[in-house]
Structures are given as C-alpha cells and as structure tokens.
C-alpha cells in the first residue's frame, strides 16, 4: 500500500482489497483512490473508497490548509 495522508484522508494510487483495514491508521477517517490527472489545470480523477466527501483541513508547520483532494494536487 502506497499512499499519503492529507488531513484525515488517505490518498492511494492503487486498488485496495480491504479498505476497512486502512481506518486503523491514526488520523485516517476517509480513503480515496487517485486516478489520472486531467486538463490544463491538472485536476485529479478521484474515487471515494471509504467515507464521504473529499474536503479536509491539512495541518503542517503550524498552518492550516482547507482543501479538496478531488480538485487540487497536494505534495
């Protein structure tokens, strides 16, 4: 399993057989799978695997970022 936690969302690149097991990762409440990147604005094709919604608040270096993983790329 290769992925990245953004806020409370785990973003995966590959298919997962049992996504329920991923909820045991601390801080993860939702799981999405990242598909192809499309368009001039490089919007990702995202499939919600577990949970609802794609908006989250990501905390990093004493800053908070409200973002939608289905609309932007975050690295």
C-alpha atoms as a PDB file:
ATOM      1  CA  UNK A   1       0.000   0.000   0.000  1.00  0.00           C
ATOM      2  CA  UNK A   2       1.450   3.293  -1.078  1.00  0.00           C
ATOM      3  CA  UNK A   3      -0.318   6.498  -0.212  1.00  0.00           C
ATOM      4  CA  UNK A   4      -0.270   9.823   1.557  1.00  0.00           C
ATOM      5  CA  UNK A   5      -2.347  11.183   4.427  1.00  0.00           C
ATOM      6  CA  UNK A   6      -3.740  14.650   3.728  1.00  0.00           C
ATOM      7  CA  UNK A   7      -5.760  15.908   6.682  1.00  0.00           C
ATOM      8  CA  UNK A   8      -7.930  12.930   7.639  1.00  0.00           C
ATOM      9  CA  UNK A   9      -7.966  11.479   4.101  1.00  0.00           C
ATOM     10  CA  UNK A  10      -5.671   8.692   2.923  1.00  0.00           C
ATOM     11  CA  UNK A  11      -4.944   9.156  -0.803  1.00  0.00           C
ATOM     12  CA  UNK A  12      -3.980   5.894  -2.543  1.00  0.00           C
ATOM     13  CA  UNK A  13      -2.654   5.320  -6.035  1.00  0.00           C
ATOM     14  CA  UNK A  14      -3.630   1.645  -6.353  1.00  0.00           C
ATOM     15  CA  UNK A  15      -6.671  -0.536  -5.669  1.00  0.00           C
ATOM     16  CA  UNK A  16      -7.035  -1.925  -2.134  1.00  0.00           C
ATOM     17  CA  UNK A  17      -8.776  -5.237  -1.406  1.00  0.00           C
ATOM     18  CA  UNK A  18      -9.959  -4.375   2.128  1.00  0.00           C
ATOM     19  CA  UNK A  19     -10.160  -0.599   2.715  1.00  0.00           C
ATOM     20  CA  UNK A  20     -11.664  -1.084   6.212  1.00  0.00           C
ATOM     21  CA  UNK A  21      -8.204  -2.114   7.462  1.00  0.00           C
ATOM     22  CA  UNK A  22      -6.852   1.305   6.497  1.00  0.00           C
ATOM     23  CA  UNK A  23      -9.050   3.017   9.089  1.00  0.00           C
ATOM     24  CA  UNK A  24      -6.683   1.665  11.761  1.00  0.00           C
ATOM     25  CA  UNK A  25      -4.043   4.161  10.604  1.00  0.00           C
ATOM     26  CA  UNK A  26      -4.034   7.020  13.162  1.00  0.00           C
ATOM     27  CA  UNK A  27      -5.883  10.109  11.919  1.00  0.00           C
ATOM     28  CA  UNK A  28      -7.470   8.424   8.876  1.00  0.00           C
ATOM     29  CA  UNK A  29     -11.279   8.687   8.590  1.00  0.00           C
ATOM     30  CA  UNK A  30     -11.679   8.539   4.802  1.00  0.00           C
ATOM     31  CA  UNK A  31      -9.938   6.788   1.904  1.00  0.00           C
ATOM     32  CA  UNK A  32      -9.800   7.914  -1.738  1.00  0.00           C
ATOM     33  CA  UNK A  33      -8.092   6.445  -4.791  1.00  0.00           C
ATOM     34  CA  UNK A  34      -6.258   8.765  -7.144  1.00  0.00           C
ATOM     35  CA  UNK A  35      -6.754   8.134 -10.850  1.00  0.00           C
ATOM     36  CA  UNK A  36      -5.446  10.026 -13.867  1.00  0.00           C
ATOM     37  CA  UNK A  37      -4.584  13.707 -13.864  1.00  0.00           C
ATOM     38  CA  UNK A  38      -6.574  15.603 -16.491  1.00  0.00           C
ATOM     39  CA  UNK A  39      -6.909  19.021 -18.065  1.00  0.00           C
ATOM     40  CA  UNK A  40      -4.747  22.103 -18.272  1.00  0.00           C
ATOM     41  CA  UNK A  41      -5.310  22.802 -14.583  1.00  0.00           C
ATOM     42  CA  UNK A  42      -4.163  19.256 -13.693  1.00  0.00           C
ATOM     43  CA  UNK A  43      -7.266  18.209 -11.766  1.00  0.00           C
ATOM     44  CA  UNK A  44      -7.102  14.670 -10.355  1.00  0.00           C
ATOM     45  CA  UNK A  45      -9.684  11.966 -11.051  1.00  0.00           C
ATOM     46  CA  UNK A  46     -10.587  10.789  -7.520  1.00  0.00           C
ATOM     47  CA  UNK A  47     -12.778   7.868  -6.410  1.00  0.00           C
ATOM     48  CA  UNK A  48     -14.053   7.884  -2.805  1.00  0.00           C
ATOM     49  CA  UNK A  49     -13.395   4.373  -1.492  1.00  0.00           C
ATOM     50  CA  UNK A  50     -14.425   4.791   2.139  1.00  0.00           C
ATOM     51  CA  UNK A  51     -16.226   7.627   3.910  1.00  0.00           C
ATOM     52  CA  UNK A  52     -17.922  10.686   2.461  1.00  0.00           C
ATOM     53  CA  UNK A  53     -16.608  13.872   0.919  1.00  0.00           C
ATOM     54  CA  UNK A  54     -13.204  14.990  -0.264  1.00  0.00           C
ATOM     55  CA  UNK A  55     -12.719  18.282   1.624  1.00  0.00           C
ATOM     56  CA  UNK A  56     -10.328  18.283   4.569  1.00  0.00           C
ATOM     57  CA  UNK A  57      -8.151  20.515   6.732  1.00  0.00           C
ATOM     58  CA  UNK A  58      -4.459  19.674   6.479  1.00  0.00           C
ATOM     59  CA  UNK A  59      -2.138  20.910   9.240  1.00  0.00           C
ATOM     60  CA  UNK A  60       1.542  21.441   8.514  1.00  0.00           C
ATOM     61  CA  UNK A  61       4.200  23.697  10.115  1.00  0.00           C
ATOM     62  CA  UNK A  62       1.670  25.470  12.380  1.00  0.00           C
ATOM     63  CA  UNK A  63      -0.514  26.339   9.351  1.00  0.00           C
ATOM     64  CA  UNK A  64      -3.938  25.002   8.389  1.00  0.00           C
ATOM     65  CA  UNK A  65      -4.969  24.467   4.774  1.00  0.00           C
ATOM     66  CA  UNK A  66      -8.575  23.768   3.804  1.00  0.00           C
ATOM     67  CA  UNK A  67      -8.553  21.841   0.538  1.00  0.00           C
ATOM     68  CA  UNK A  68     -10.475  19.419  -1.632  1.00  0.00           C
ATOM     69  CA  UNK A  69      -8.363  16.450  -2.757  1.00  0.00           C
ATOM     70  CA  UNK A  70     -10.699  15.963  -5.745  1.00  0.00           C
ATOM     71  CA  UNK A  71      -9.933  19.443  -7.091  1.00  0.00           C
ATOM     72  CA  UNK A  72      -6.247  20.087  -6.428  1.00  0.00           C
ATOM     73  CA  UNK A  73      -2.913  18.276  -6.298  1.00  0.00           C
ATOM     74  CA  UNK A  74      -1.067  18.448  -2.954  1.00  0.00           C
ATOM     75  CA  UNK A  75       2.515  17.399  -2.345  1.00  0.00           C
END
